[in-house]
Amino acid sequence: MTPKEISPGLVVQRFTPPLALADFKLIAFDMDSTLINIECIDEIADAVGKKAEVAAITEATMRGEIKDFKESLRRRVALLKGVPVGALQKVYDDRLRLNPGAEQLVAACKATGLKVLLVSGGFTFFANRVKDRLGIDFARSNLLDEADGKLTGEVVQQSWGDICDGAEKRRTLLEVASLLGISPQEAIAVGDGANDLQMMGEAGLSVAFHAKPKVREQAMVAINEGGLDRLLEVLR
């Protein structure tokens, strides 16, 4: 199918709309730069004057130039060693905002009966707060280790593993779909970076939101301008 811009900044690439939101049972969101406006790790690094260094690694990873997300994250988290834990709350309060349309899209999905999953290569401190704020059903993300009120520069092992990378995002989508007794084809996956591609590849509908070129090319729908709720222009 030839990509078709159905309205400015909204491109449909691999299916013919309209589908109905009610055709789906689950929607999975990436968090950083998708549901929210920042890359949290870059903003935490700013507290110790290392934002440029960390952001350069983040950007290369999101573009797919650094293939090993786990190693990339470990490198970036190591640079956070010594950051006061209180800096995380300051980032949340001062810098983190929901992206335009996030509340509207999540509310529309919930009203239609979809379950909502947040699956992030970011951190539980932020993911749990965003989950509560939006009434999200499930969340999986990485847990920063801390000691004596400071970050240690390491990630904590959790029951499912240590780092939520692209493979873990895919596995989580399949796990939640199985838990709900649905097919992955009844799921929507929304993301912006290379580590979202495996998850997006399993879903019945993949959505790129203000995404890196590699992700835009592979998604079924690309929202290049405006808010997340523009997906509702496609899903009637």
C-alpha atoms as a PDB file:
ATOM      1  CA  MET A   1       0.000   0.000   0.000  1.00  0.00           C
ATOM      2  CA  THR A   2       1.300   3.456  -0.877  1.00  0.00           C
ATOM      3  CA  PRO A   3       1.513   5.710   2.198  1.00  0.00           C
ATOM      4  CA  LYS A   4      -1.415   8.113   2.221  1.00  0.00           C
ATOM      5  CA  GLU A   5      -1.583  11.364   4.184  1.00  0.00           C
ATOM      6  CA  ILE A   6      -5.226  11.408   5.209  1.00  0.00           C
ATOM      7  CA  SER A   7      -4.847  14.832   6.841  1.00  0.00           C
ATOM      8  CA  PRO A   8      -1.800  17.045   7.486  1.00  0.00           C
ATOM      9  CA  GLY A   9       0.768  15.143   9.530  1.00  0.00           C
ATOM     10  CA  LEU A  10      -1.279  11.918   9.733  1.00  0.00           C
ATOM     11  CA  VAL A  11      -0.076   9.173   7.413  1.00  0.00           C
ATOM     12  CA  VAL A  12      -1.660   5.748   6.913  1.00  0.00           C
ATOM     13  CA  GLN A  13       0.753   3.257   5.406  1.00  0.00           C
ATOM     14  CA  ARG A  14      -0.320  -0.359   5.689  1.00  0.00           C
ATOM     15  CA  PHE A  15      -4.032  -0.699   6.207  1.00  0.00           C
ATOM     16  CA  THR A  16      -7.196   0.882   4.887  1.00  0.00           C
ATOM     17  CA  PRO A  17      -9.125   2.951   7.417  1.00  0.00           C
ATOM     18  CA  PRO A  18     -11.445   3.280   9.041  1.00  0.00           C
ATOM     19  CA  LEU A  19     -11.111   0.508  11.558  1.00  0.00           C
ATOM     20  CA  ALA A  20     -13.100   0.774  14.774  1.00  0.00           C
ATOM     21  CA  LEU A  21     -11.438   1.280  18.142  1.00  0.00           C
ATOM     22  CA  ALA A  22     -13.781  -1.458  19.338  1.00  0.00           C
ATOM     23  CA  ASP A  23     -11.967  -3.906  17.012  1.00  0.00           C
ATOM     24  CA  PHE A  24      -9.144  -3.886  19.588  1.00  0.00           C
ATOM     25  CA  LYS A  25      -8.889  -5.044  23.188  1.00  0.00           C
ATOM     26  CA  LEU A  26      -5.474  -3.699  24.290  1.00  0.00           C
ATOM     27  CA  ILE A  27      -3.331  -0.633  23.609  1.00  0.00           C
ATOM     28  CA  ALA A  28       0.360  -0.572  24.571  1.00  0.00           C
ATOM     29  CA  PHE A  29       2.295   2.676  24.899  1.00  0.00           C
ATOM     30  CA  ASP A  30       5.951   3.492  25.132  1.00  0.00           C
ATOM     31  CA  MET A  31       6.428   6.242  27.738  1.00  0.00           C
ATOM     32  CA  ASP A  32       9.356   8.594  27.110  1.00  0.00           C
ATOM     33  CA  SER A  33       8.679  10.938  24.159  1.00  0.00           C
ATOM     34  CA  THR A  34       5.432   9.041  23.477  1.00  0.00           C
ATOM     35  CA  LEU A  35       3.060   9.373  26.429  1.00  0.00           C
ATOM     36  CA  ILE A  36       5.267  12.069  27.973  1.00  0.00           C
ATOM     37  CA  ASN A  37       7.293  14.956  26.560  1.00  0.00           C
ATOM     38  CA  ILE A  38      10.783  14.068  27.805  1.00  0.00           C
ATOM     39  CA  GLU A  39      13.412  11.336  27.923  1.00  0.00           C
ATOM     40  CA  CYS A  40      13.574  11.018  31.715  1.00  0.00           C
ATOM     41  CA  ILE A  41      17.119   9.677  31.804  1.00  0.00           C
ATOM     42  CA  ASP A  42      18.418  12.742  29.959  1.00  0.00           C
ATOM     43  CA  GLU A  43      16.728  15.061  32.446  1.00  0.00           C
ATOM     44  CA  ILE A  44      18.052  13.143  35.475  1.00  0.00           C
ATOM     45  CA  ALA A  45      21.548  13.401  33.967  1.00  0.00           C
ATOM     46  CA  ASP A  46      21.110  17.160  33.817  1.00  0.00           C
ATOM     47  CA  ALA A  47      21.241  17.141  37.634  1.00  0.00           C
ATOM     48  CA  VAL A  48      24.919  16.149  37.442  1.00  0.00           C
ATOM     49  CA  GLY A  49      25.872  18.121  34.356  1.00  0.00           C
ATOM     50  CA  LYS A  50      25.908  15.066  32.082  1.00  0.00           C
ATOM     51  CA  LYS A  51      22.782  15.667  29.997  1.00  0.00           C
ATOM     52  CA  ALA A  52      24.616  16.178  26.690  1.00  0.00           C
ATOM     53  CA  GLU A  53      26.630  12.997  27.125  1.00  0.00           C
ATOM     54  CA  VAL A  54      23.629  10.878  28.094  1.00  0.00           C
ATOM     55  CA  ALA A  55      21.291  12.460  25.521  1.00  0.00           C
ATOM     56  CA  ALA A  56      23.736  11.657  22.700  1.00  0.00           C
ATOM     57  CA  ILE A  57      23.618   7.952  23.647  1.00  0.00           C
ATOM     58  CA  THR A  58      19.813   8.084  23.984  1.00  0.00           C
ATOM     59  CA  GLU A  59      19.402   9.671  20.559  1.00  0.00           C
ATOM     60  CA  ALA A  60      21.697   7.173  18.834  1.00  0.00           C
ATOM     61  CA  THR A  61      19.839   4.303  20.519  1.00  0.00           C
ATOM     62  CA  MET A  62      16.416   5.610  19.516  1.00  0.00           C
ATOM     63  CA  ARG A  63      17.558   5.979  15.907  1.00  0.00           C
ATOM     64  CA  GLY A  64      18.719   2.362  15.983  1.00  0.00           C
ATOM     65  CA  GLU A  65      22.408   3.211  15.581  1.00  0.00           C
ATOM     66  CA  ILE A  66      23.261   1.542  18.913  1.00  0.00           C
ATOM     67  CA  LYS A  67      21.778  -1.930  18.556  1.00  0.00           C
ATOM     68  CA  ASP A  68      22.170  -3.227  22.117  1.00  0.00           C
ATOM     69  CA  PHE A  69      19.610  -1.319  24.189  1.00  0.00           C
ATOM     70  CA  LYS A  70      20.612  -3.066  27.410  1.00  0.00           C
ATOM     71  CA  GLU A  71      24.241  -2.046  27.073  1.00  0.00           C
ATOM     72  CA  SER A  72      23.191   1.471  26.066  1.00  0.00           C
ATOM     73  CA  LEU A  73      20.983   1.799  29.143  1.00  0.00           C
ATOM     74  CA  ARG A  74      23.657   0.449  31.464  1.00  0.00           C
ATOM     75  CA  ARG A  75      26.141   2.967  30.090  1.00  0.00           C
ATOM     76  CA  ARG A  76      23.718   5.829  30.646  1.00  0.00           C
ATOM     77  CA  VAL A  77      22.578   4.693  34.103  1.00  0.00           C
ATOM     78  CA  ALA A  78      26.218   4.359  35.205  1.00  0.00           C
ATOM     79  CA  LEU A  79      26.613   8.078  34.488  1.00  0.00           C
ATOM     80  CA  LEU A  80      23.835   8.777  37.008  1.00  0.00           C
ATOM     81  CA  LYS A  81      25.831   7.413  39.938  1.00  0.00           C
ATOM     82  CA  GLY A  82      25.627   9.813  42.858  1.00  0.00           C
ATOM     83  CA  VAL A  83      22.530  11.682  41.698  1.00  0.00           C
ATOM     84  CA  PRO A  84      20.318  12.430  44.727  1.00  0.00           C
ATOM     85  CA  VAL A  85      17.068  10.440  44.613  1.00  0.00           C
ATOM     86  CA  GLY A  86      15.233  13.730  45.168  1.00  0.00           C
ATOM     87  CA  ALA A  87      16.301  14.817  41.682  1.00  0.00           C
ATOM     88  CA  LEU A  88      13.773  12.338  40.234  1.00  0.00           C
ATOM     89  CA  GLN A  89      10.855  14.078  41.931  1.00  0.00           C
ATOM     90  CA  LYS A  90      12.165  17.426  40.715  1.00  0.00           C
ATOM     91  CA  VAL A  91      12.261  16.124  37.119  1.00  0.00           C
ATOM     92  CA  TYR A  92       8.705  14.825  37.512  1.00  0.00           C
ATOM     93  CA  ASP A  93       7.422  18.085  38.996  1.00  0.00           C
ATOM     94  CA  ASP A  94       9.295  20.580  36.836  1.00  0.00           C
ATOM     95  CA  ARG A  95       9.845  18.913  33.467  1.00  0.00           C
ATOM     96  CA  LEU A  96       7.548  15.954  32.856  1.00  0.00           C
ATOM     97  CA  ARG A  97       4.331  16.730  31.001  1.00  0.00           C
ATOM     98  CA  LEU A  98       1.865  14.408  29.307  1.00  0.00           C
ATOM     99  CA  ASN A  99       2.075  14.745  25.557  1.00  0.00           C
ATOM    100  CA  PRO A 100      -0.890  16.439  23.853  1.00  0.00           C
ATOM    101  CA  GLY A 101      -3.785  14.071  23.329  1.00  0.00           C
ATOM    102  CA  ALA A 102      -2.496  11.416  25.766  1.00  0.00           C
ATOM    103  CA  GLU A 103      -5.345  11.842  28.239  1.00  0.00           C
ATOM    104  CA  GLN A 104      -7.955  11.977  25.483  1.00  0.00           C
ATOM    105  CA  LEU A 105      -6.686   8.848  23.705  1.00  0.00           C
ATOM    106  CA  VAL A 106      -6.339   6.803  26.892  1.00  0.00           C
ATOM    107  CA  ALA A 107      -9.809   7.904  28.036  1.00  0.00           C
ATOM    108  CA  ALA A 108     -11.334   6.953  24.666  1.00  0.00           C
ATOM    109  CA  CYS A 109      -9.646   3.534  24.779  1.00  0.00           C
ATOM    110  CA  LYS A 110     -10.840   2.861  28.318  1.00  0.00           C
ATOM    111  CA  ALA A 111     -14.373   4.011  27.478  1.00  0.00           C
ATOM    112  CA  THR A 112     -14.404   1.543  24.582  1.00  0.00           C
ATOM    113  CA  GLY A 113     -13.272  -1.295  26.855  1.00  0.00           C
ATOM    114  CA  LEU A 114      -9.609  -1.567  25.900  1.00  0.00           C
ATOM    115  CA  LYS A 115      -7.028  -2.391  28.562  1.00  0.00           C
ATOM    116  CA  VAL A 116      -4.024  -0.057  28.608  1.00  0.00           C
ATOM    117  CA  LEU A 117      -0.380  -1.103  28.976  1.00  0.00           C
ATOM    118  CA  LEU A 118       2.605   1.169  29.569  1.00  0.00           C
ATOM    119  CA  VAL A 119       5.850  -0.624  28.683  1.00  0.00           C
ATOM    120  CA  SER A 120       8.980   1.452  28.961  1.00  0.00           C
ATOM    121  CA  GLY A 121      12.737   1.375  28.751  1.00  0.00           C
ATOM    122  CA  GLY A 122      12.503   4.210  31.271  1.00  0.00           C
ATOM    123  CA  PHE A 123      12.050   4.017  35.010  1.00  0.00           C
ATOM    124  CA  THR A 124       9.427   2.886  37.515  1.00  0.00           C
ATOM    125  CA  PHE A 125       9.620   6.181  39.436  1.00  0.00           C
ATOM    126  CA  PHE A 126       8.028   7.937  36.459  1.00  0.00           C
ATOM    127  CA  ALA A 127       6.090   5.025  34.934  1.00  0.00           C
ATOM    128  CA  ASN A 128       4.155   4.315  38.132  1.00  0.00           C
ATOM    129  CA  ARG A 129       3.171   7.976  38.483  1.00  0.00           C
ATOM    130  CA  VAL A 130       2.074   8.201  34.842  1.00  0.00           C
ATOM    131  CA  LYS A 131       0.178   4.913  35.275  1.00  0.00           C
ATOM    132  CA  ASP A 132      -1.728   6.308  38.247  1.00  0.00           C
ATOM    133  CA  ARG A 133      -2.312   9.661  36.584  1.00  0.00           C
ATOM    134  CA  LEU A 134      -3.881   8.146  33.470  1.00  0.00           C
ATOM    135  CA  GLY A 135      -5.572   5.135  35.076  1.00  0.00           C
ATOM    136  CA  ILE A 136      -3.417   2.692  33.106  1.00  0.00           C
ATOM    137  CA  ASP A 137      -3.989  -1.021  33.805  1.00  0.00           C
ATOM    138  CA  PHE A 138      -0.482  -2.500  33.464  1.00  0.00           C
ATOM    139  CA  ALA A 139       3.056  -1.083  33.540  1.00  0.00           C
ATOM    140  CA  ARG A 140       6.544  -2.504  33.141  1.00  0.00           C
ATOM    141  CA  SER A 141       9.750  -0.468  33.320  1.00  0.00           C
ATOM    142  CA  ASN A 142      13.236  -0.410  34.821  1.00  0.00           C
ATOM    143  CA  LEU A 143      14.012   0.119  38.506  1.00  0.00           C
ATOM    144  CA  LEU A 144      16.933   2.369  39.436  1.00  0.00           C
ATOM    145  CA  ASP A 145      19.035   1.128  42.344  1.00  0.00           C
ATOM    146  CA  GLU A 146      19.596   3.543  45.205  1.00  0.00           C
ATOM    147  CA  ALA A 147      21.519   3.626  48.475  1.00  0.00           C
ATOM    148  CA  ASP A 148      21.840   6.324  51.140  1.00  0.00           C
ATOM    149  CA  GLY A 149      19.521   8.621  49.199  1.00  0.00           C
ATOM    150  CA  LYS A 150      21.551   8.482  45.980  1.00  0.00           C
ATOM    151  CA  LEU A 151      21.465   6.509  42.741  1.00  0.00           C
ATOM    152  CA  THR A 152      24.114   3.790  42.559  1.00  0.00           C
ATOM    153  CA  GLY A 153      24.418   3.822  38.776  1.00  0.00           C
ATOM    154  CA  GLU A 154      22.870   0.361  38.451  1.00  0.00           C
ATOM    155  CA  VAL A 155      19.513  -1.183  37.518  1.00  0.00           C
ATOM    156  CA  VAL A 156      17.712  -3.563  39.883  1.00  0.00           C
ATOM    157  CA  GLN A 157      16.847  -7.123  38.860  1.00  0.00           C
ATOM    158  CA  GLN A 158      13.052  -7.610  38.887  1.00  0.00           C
ATOM    159  CA  SER A 159      10.953 -10.781  38.674  1.00  0.00           C
ATOM    160  CA  TRP A 160      10.805 -10.581  34.862  1.00  0.00           C
ATOM    161  CA  GLY A 161      14.439  -9.483  34.284  1.00  0.00           C
ATOM    162  CA  ASP A 162      16.664  -6.458  34.706  1.00  0.00           C
ATOM    163  CA  ILE A 163      16.168  -4.227  31.653  1.00  0.00           C
ATOM    164  CA  CYS A 164      13.050  -3.627  29.590  1.00  0.00           C
ATOM    165  CA  ASP A 165      14.477  -3.525  26.059  1.00  0.00           C
ATOM    166  CA  GLY A 166      12.823  -4.133  22.710  1.00  0.00           C
ATOM    167  CA  ALA A 167      12.616  -7.898  23.227  1.00  0.00           C
ATOM    168  CA  GLU A 168      11.087  -7.440  26.686  1.00  0.00           C
ATOM    169  CA  LYS A 169       8.548  -4.936  25.321  1.00  0.00           C
ATOM    170  CA  ARG A 170       7.502  -7.538  22.744  1.00  0.00           C
ATOM    171  CA  ARG A 171       7.356 -10.264  25.385  1.00  0.00           C
ATOM    172  CA  THR A 172       5.275  -8.043  27.691  1.00  0.00           C
ATOM    173  CA  LEU A 173       2.756  -7.278  24.952  1.00  0.00           C
ATOM    174  CA  LEU A 174       2.388 -11.007  24.233  1.00  0.00           C
ATOM    175  CA  GLU A 175       2.188 -11.816  27.950  1.00  0.00           C
ATOM    176  CA  VAL A 176      -0.571  -9.276  28.620  1.00  0.00           C
ATOM    177  CA  ALA A 177      -2.473 -10.364  25.494  1.00  0.00           C
ATOM    178  CA  SER A 178      -2.305 -13.957  26.724  1.00  0.00           C
ATOM    179  CA  LEU A 179      -3.424 -12.874  30.198  1.00  0.00           C
ATOM    180  CA  LEU A 180      -6.436 -11.160  28.617  1.00  0.00           C
ATOM    181  CA  GLY A 181      -7.161 -14.151  26.391  1.00  0.00           C
ATOM    182  CA  ILE A 182      -6.776 -12.150  23.179  1.00  0.00           C
ATOM    183  CA  SER A 183      -4.681 -12.335  20.027  1.00  0.00           C
ATOM    184  CA  PRO A 184      -1.805  -9.852  19.545  1.00  0.00           C
ATOM    185  CA  GLN A 185      -3.717  -8.806  16.431  1.00  0.00           C
ATOM    186  CA  GLU A 186      -6.294  -7.298  18.795  1.00  0.00           C
ATOM    187  CA  ALA A 187      -3.611  -5.002  20.247  1.00  0.00           C
ATOM    188  CA  ILE A 188      -2.415  -1.539  19.238  1.00  0.00           C
ATOM    189  CA  ALA A 189       1.217  -0.587  19.929  1.00  0.00           C
ATOM    190  CA  VAL A 190       2.361   3.046  20.015  1.00  0.00           C
ATOM    191  CA  GLY A 191       6.006   4.141  20.107  1.00  0.00           C
ATOM    192  CA  ASP A 192       8.680   6.421  18.724  1.00  0.00           C
ATOM    193  CA  GLY A 193      12.046   4.659  18.902  1.00  0.00           C
ATOM    194  CA  ALA A 194      13.877   1.604  17.591  1.00  0.00           C
ATOM    195  CA  ASN A 195      13.320  -0.343  20.808  1.00  0.00           C
ATOM    196  CA  ASP A 196       9.547  -0.170  20.140  1.00  0.00           C
ATOM    197  CA  LEU A 197       9.752  -1.957  16.788  1.00  0.00           C
ATOM    198  CA  GLN A 198       9.552  -5.537  18.070  1.00  0.00           C
ATOM    199  CA  MET A 199       6.431  -4.723  20.084  1.00  0.00           C
ATOM    200  CA  MET A 200       4.927  -2.837  17.164  1.00  0.00           C
ATOM    201  CA  GLY A 201       5.660  -5.786  14.874  1.00  0.00           C
ATOM    202  CA  GLU A 202       3.453  -8.099  16.949  1.00  0.00           C
ATOM    203  CA  ALA A 203       0.462  -5.776  17.234  1.00  0.00           C
ATOM    204  CA  GLY A 204      -2.497  -5.699  14.901  1.00  0.00           C
ATOM    205  CA  LEU A 205      -1.995  -1.944  14.547  1.00  0.00           C
ATOM    206  CA  SER A 206       1.347  -0.176  14.957  1.00  0.00           C
ATOM    207  CA  VAL A 207       1.477   3.583  15.472  1.00  0.00           C
ATOM    208  CA  ALA A 208       4.556   5.821  15.229  1.00  0.00           C
ATOM    209  CA  PHE A 209       4.222   9.038  17.222  1.00  0.00           C
ATOM    210  CA  HIS A 210       6.615  11.858  16.249  1.00  0.00           C
ATOM    211  CA  ALA A 211       8.991   8.994  15.666  1.00  0.00           C
ATOM    212  CA  LYS A 212      12.480   8.364  14.334  1.00  0.00           C
ATOM    213  CA  PRO A 213      12.559   7.778  10.538  1.00  0.00           C
ATOM    214  CA  LYS A 214      13.173   4.030  10.882  1.00  0.00           C
ATOM    215  CA  VAL A 215      10.074   3.699  13.063  1.00  0.00           C
ATOM    216  CA  ARG A 216       7.866   5.887  10.862  1.00  0.00           C
ATOM    217  CA  GLU A 217       8.747   3.737   7.851  1.00  0.00           C
ATOM    218  CA  GLN A 218       7.711   0.484   9.528  1.00  0.00           C
ATOM    219  CA  ALA A 219       4.553   1.631  11.329  1.00  0.00           C
ATOM    220  CA  MET A 220       1.070   1.211   9.895  1.00  0.00           C
ATOM    221  CA  VAL A 221       0.095   4.717  11.014  1.00  0.00           C
ATOM    222  CA  ALA A 222       2.429   7.669  11.565  1.00  0.00           C
ATOM    223  CA  ILE A 223       1.340  10.697  13.586  1.00  0.00           C
ATOM    224  CA  ASN A 224       3.904  13.297  12.570  1.00  0.00           C
ATOM    225  CA  GLU A 225       2.056  16.414  13.710  1.00  0.00           C
ATOM    226  CA  GLY A 226      -0.364  17.071  16.544  1.00  0.00           C
ATOM    227  CA  GLY A 227      -1.320  14.937  19.534  1.00  0.00           C
ATOM    228  CA  LEU A 228      -1.795  11.261  20.304  1.00  0.00           C
ATOM    229  CA  ASP A 229      -5.550  11.662  20.017  1.00  0.00           C
ATOM    230  CA  ARG A 230      -5.120  12.049  16.258  1.00  0.00           C
ATOM    231  CA  LEU A 231      -5.226   8.258  16.191  1.00  0.00           C
ATOM    232  CA  LEU A 232      -8.964   8.665  16.727  1.00  0.00           C
ATOM    233  CA  GLU A 233      -9.168  10.216  13.249  1.00  0.00           C
ATOM    234  CA  VAL A 234      -8.234   6.762  11.935  1.00  0.00           C
ATOM    235  CA  LEU A 235     -10.084   4.577  14.434  1.00  0.00           C
ATOM    236  CA  ARG A 236     -13.754   5.508  14.329  1.00  0.00           C
END
